[in-house]
Amino acid sequence: MSSARRPLLTATAAGTLLCALWFVPSAKASQDAPVGETATTSTPVQVTPVTQIQQVTRVTQARAVTAATAEEAGGAARGAELADTGSPDTTPYVVGGSLFLAVGAGFVVYSVRRERLGF
């Protein structure tokens, strides 16, 4: 393989790698479950007539609170959105990438020219 083709092969490999990296997923904020859903846990309790009445009272109160909270959360979930932070300013990246691309292409042209002139 001539030395003039090596930079072209390197540039092709680098371009292929960059194109492959384009498809790598990026991290984005997302919500997995609706806001109103919460995990509930229960602990075993020895039931006696007095504790059973207390437990029924607590369950009734908990259901009322849960219903009110779920209604509020449902209303909030309908209007909930991720914060609008605006789009990032990509101008420096485009300018820098174009500059590096131009410098790389210049080096390839320079190396081919040196090879042909026999330096």
C-alpha atoms as a PDB file:
ATOM      1  CA  MET A   1       0.000   0.000   0.000  1.00  0.00           C
ATOM      2  CA  SER A   2       1.456   3.348  -0.911  1.00  0.00           C
ATOM      3  CA  SER A   3       1.957   5.976   1.737  1.00  0.00           C
ATOM      4  CA  ALA A   4      -0.466   8.301  -0.067  1.00  0.00           C
ATOM      5  CA  ARG A   5      -3.361   5.937   0.645  1.00  0.00           C
ATOM      6  CA  ARG A   6      -2.670   5.578   4.360  1.00  0.00           C
ATOM      7  CA  PRO A   7      -4.047   8.991   5.330  1.00  0.00           C
ATOM      8  CA  LEU A   8      -7.128   8.346   3.229  1.00  0.00           C
ATOM      9  CA  LEU A   9      -7.615   5.001   4.950  1.00  0.00           C
ATOM     10  CA  THR A  10      -7.184   6.663   8.352  1.00  0.00           C
ATOM     11  CA  ALA A  11      -9.634   9.416   7.446  1.00  0.00           C
ATOM     12  CA  THR A  12     -12.141   6.832   6.222  1.00  0.00           C
ATOM     13  CA  ALA A  13     -11.812   4.837   9.445  1.00  0.00           C
ATOM     14  CA  ALA A  14     -12.238   7.980  11.552  1.00  0.00           C
ATOM     15  CA  GLY A  15     -15.289   9.058   9.553  1.00  0.00           C
ATOM     16  CA  THR A  16     -16.828   5.605   9.893  1.00  0.00           C
ATOM     17  CA  LEU A  17     -16.278   5.701  13.658  1.00  0.00           C
ATOM     18  CA  LEU A  18     -17.882   9.128  13.935  1.00  0.00           C
ATOM     19  CA  CYS A  19     -20.871   8.000  11.877  1.00  0.00           C
ATOM     20  CA  ALA A  20     -21.271   4.958  14.131  1.00  0.00           C
ATOM     21  CA  LEU A  21     -21.099   7.115  17.256  1.00  0.00           C
ATOM     22  CA  TRP A  22     -23.876   9.314  15.864  1.00  0.00           C
ATOM     23  CA  PHE A  23     -26.348   6.510  16.610  1.00  0.00           C
ATOM     24  CA  VAL A  24     -25.304   5.971  20.232  1.00  0.00           C
ATOM     25  CA  PRO A  25     -28.309   6.840  22.391  1.00  0.00           C
ATOM     26  CA  SER A  26     -28.021   9.904  24.568  1.00  0.00           C
ATOM     27  CA  ALA A  27     -29.306  10.334  28.100  1.00  0.00           C
ATOM     28  CA  LYS A  28     -32.587  12.191  28.301  1.00  0.00           C
ATOM     29  CA  ALA A  29     -34.878  12.839  31.216  1.00  0.00           C
ATOM     30  CA  SER A  30     -38.040  10.763  31.125  1.00  0.00           C
ATOM     31  CA  GLN A  31     -40.733   9.723  33.508  1.00  0.00           C
ATOM     32  CA  ASP A  32     -41.186   5.965  33.880  1.00  0.00           C
ATOM     33  CA  ALA A  33     -44.414   5.928  35.887  1.00  0.00           C
ATOM     34  CA  PRO A  34     -47.254   8.405  36.268  1.00  0.00           C
ATOM     35  CA  VAL A  35     -46.916  10.820  39.161  1.00  0.00           C
ATOM     36  CA  GLY A  36     -49.949   9.453  41.011  1.00  0.00           C
ATOM     37  CA  GLU A  37     -48.575   5.907  41.354  1.00  0.00           C
ATOM     38  CA  THR A  38     -46.783   5.123  44.613  1.00  0.00           C
ATOM     39  CA  ALA A  39     -45.612   1.896  46.149  1.00  0.00           C
ATOM     40  CA  THR A  40     -47.535   0.681  49.170  1.00  0.00           C
ATOM     41  CA  THR A  41     -46.205  -1.648  51.811  1.00  0.00           C
ATOM     42  CA  SER A  42     -47.991  -3.440  54.604  1.00  0.00           C
ATOM     43  CA  THR A  43     -46.726  -4.986  57.802  1.00  0.00           C
ATOM     44  CA  PRO A  44     -48.367  -7.952  59.512  1.00  0.00           C
ATOM     45  CA  VAL A  45     -50.368  -6.972  62.596  1.00  0.00           C
ATOM     46  CA  GLN A  46     -51.855  -9.190  65.243  1.00  0.00           C
ATOM     47  CA  VAL A  47     -55.574  -8.449  65.089  1.00  0.00           C
ATOM     48  CA  THR A  48     -57.626  -8.085  68.245  1.00  0.00           C
ATOM     49  CA  PRO A  49     -61.093  -6.530  68.431  1.00  0.00           C
ATOM     50  CA  VAL A  50     -59.718  -3.174  69.629  1.00  0.00           C
ATOM     51  CA  THR A  51     -56.898  -3.053  67.099  1.00  0.00           C
ATOM     52  CA  GLN A  52     -59.310  -4.140  64.374  1.00  0.00           C
ATOM     53  CA  ILE A  53     -61.494  -1.076  64.997  1.00  0.00           C
ATOM     54  CA  GLN A  54     -58.433   1.158  65.070  1.00  0.00           C
ATOM     55  CA  GLN A  55     -57.161  -0.452  61.932  1.00  0.00           C
ATOM     56  CA  VAL A  56     -60.457   0.068  60.089  1.00  0.00           C
ATOM     57  CA  THR A  57     -60.446   3.703  61.163  1.00  0.00           C
ATOM     58  CA  ARG A  58     -56.868   4.144  59.964  1.00  0.00           C
ATOM     59  CA  VAL A  59     -57.588   2.422  56.650  1.00  0.00           C
ATOM     60  CA  THR A  60     -60.628   4.643  56.080  1.00  0.00           C
ATOM     61  CA  GLN A  61     -58.601   7.764  56.848  1.00  0.00           C
ATOM     62  CA  ALA A  62     -55.728   6.558  54.688  1.00  0.00           C
ATOM     63  CA  ARG A  63     -58.092   5.891  51.771  1.00  0.00           C
ATOM     64  CA  ALA A  64     -59.563   9.373  52.059  1.00  0.00           C
ATOM     65  CA  VAL A  65     -56.105  10.937  52.125  1.00  0.00           C
ATOM     66  CA  THR A  66     -54.938   8.720  49.260  1.00  0.00           C
ATOM     67  CA  ALA A  67     -57.988   9.598  47.152  1.00  0.00           C
ATOM     68  CA  ALA A  68     -57.450  13.313  47.727  1.00  0.00           C
ATOM     69  CA  THR A  69     -53.731  13.014  47.018  1.00  0.00           C
ATOM     70  CA  ALA A  70     -54.340  10.937  43.878  1.00  0.00           C
ATOM     71  CA  GLU A  71     -56.844  13.507  42.620  1.00  0.00           C
ATOM     72  CA  GLU A  72     -54.357  16.327  43.180  1.00  0.00           C
ATOM     73  CA  ALA A  73     -51.524  14.303  41.643  1.00  0.00           C
ATOM     74  CA  GLY A  74     -53.702  13.390  38.669  1.00  0.00           C
ATOM     75  CA  GLY A  75     -54.411  17.052  38.029  1.00  0.00           C
ATOM     76  CA  ALA A  76     -50.732  17.891  38.437  1.00  0.00           C
ATOM     77  CA  ALA A  77     -49.696  14.987  36.184  1.00  0.00           C
ATOM     78  CA  ARG A  78     -51.849  16.256  33.339  1.00  0.00           C
ATOM     79  CA  GLY A  79     -50.097  19.617  33.445  1.00  0.00           C
ATOM     80  CA  ALA A  80     -46.649  18.295  34.391  1.00  0.00           C
ATOM     81  CA  GLU A  81     -43.922  18.660  31.825  1.00  0.00           C
ATOM     82  CA  LEU A  82     -40.158  18.637  31.887  1.00  0.00           C
ATOM     83  CA  ALA A  83     -38.517  21.977  32.408  1.00  0.00           C
ATOM     84  CA  ASP A  84     -37.989  23.917  29.211  1.00  0.00           C
ATOM     85  CA  THR A  85     -34.294  24.718  29.333  1.00  0.00           C
ATOM     86  CA  GLY A  86     -34.122  25.819  25.718  1.00  0.00           C
ATOM     87  CA  SER A  87     -31.996  24.310  23.024  1.00  0.00           C
ATOM     88  CA  PRO A  88     -28.217  24.292  23.474  1.00  0.00           C
ATOM     89  CA  ASP A  89     -26.161  26.706  21.408  1.00  0.00           C
ATOM     90  CA  THR A  90     -24.413  24.433  18.916  1.00  0.00           C
ATOM     91  CA  THR A  91     -22.600  27.190  17.004  1.00  0.00           C
ATOM     92  CA  PRO A  92     -19.203  26.615  18.712  1.00  0.00           C
ATOM     93  CA  TYR A  93     -19.404  22.888  18.010  1.00  0.00           C
ATOM     94  CA  VAL A  94     -20.264  23.392  14.338  1.00  0.00           C
ATOM     95  CA  VAL A  95     -17.511  25.969  13.858  1.00  0.00           C
ATOM     96  CA  GLY A  96     -14.934  23.871  15.747  1.00  0.00           C
ATOM     97  CA  GLY A  97     -15.887  20.693  13.895  1.00  0.00           C
ATOM     98  CA  SER A  98     -15.673  22.439  10.540  1.00  0.00           C
ATOM     99  CA  LEU A  99     -12.301  23.886  11.474  1.00  0.00           C
ATOM    100  CA  PHE A 100     -10.908  20.495  12.485  1.00  0.00           C
ATOM    101  CA  LEU A 101     -12.327  18.935   9.324  1.00  0.00           C
ATOM    102  CA  ALA A 102     -10.640  21.598   7.188  1.00  0.00           C
ATOM    103  CA  VAL A 103      -7.296  21.157   8.994  1.00  0.00           C
ATOM    104  CA  GLY A 104      -7.502  17.374   8.578  1.00  0.00           C
ATOM    105  CA  ALA A 105      -8.311  17.681   4.888  1.00  0.00           C
ATOM    106  CA  GLY A 106      -5.391  20.124   4.556  1.00  0.00           C
ATOM    107  CA  PHE A 107      -3.017  17.584   6.100  1.00  0.00           C
ATOM    108  CA  VAL A 108      -4.247  14.890   3.695  1.00  0.00           C
ATOM    109  CA  VAL A 109      -3.737  17.187   0.697  1.00  0.00           C
ATOM    110  CA  TYR A 110      -0.302  18.219   1.988  1.00  0.00           C
ATOM    111  CA  SER A 111       0.826  14.612   2.480  1.00  0.00           C
ATOM    112  CA  VAL A 112      -0.365  13.602  -0.996  1.00  0.00           C
ATOM    113  CA  ARG A 113       1.421  16.606  -2.505  1.00  0.00           C
ATOM    114  CA  ARG A 114       4.660  15.758  -0.662  1.00  0.00           C
ATOM    115  CA  GLU A 115       4.444  12.184  -1.900  1.00  0.00           C
ATOM    116  CA  ARG A 116       3.969  13.195  -5.506  1.00  0.00           C
ATOM    117  CA  LEU A 117       6.749  15.786  -5.454  1.00  0.00           C
ATOM    118  CA  GLY A 118       9.117  13.361  -3.756  1.00  0.00           C
ATOM    119  CA  PHE A 119       9.978  15.333  -0.619  1.00  0.00           C
END
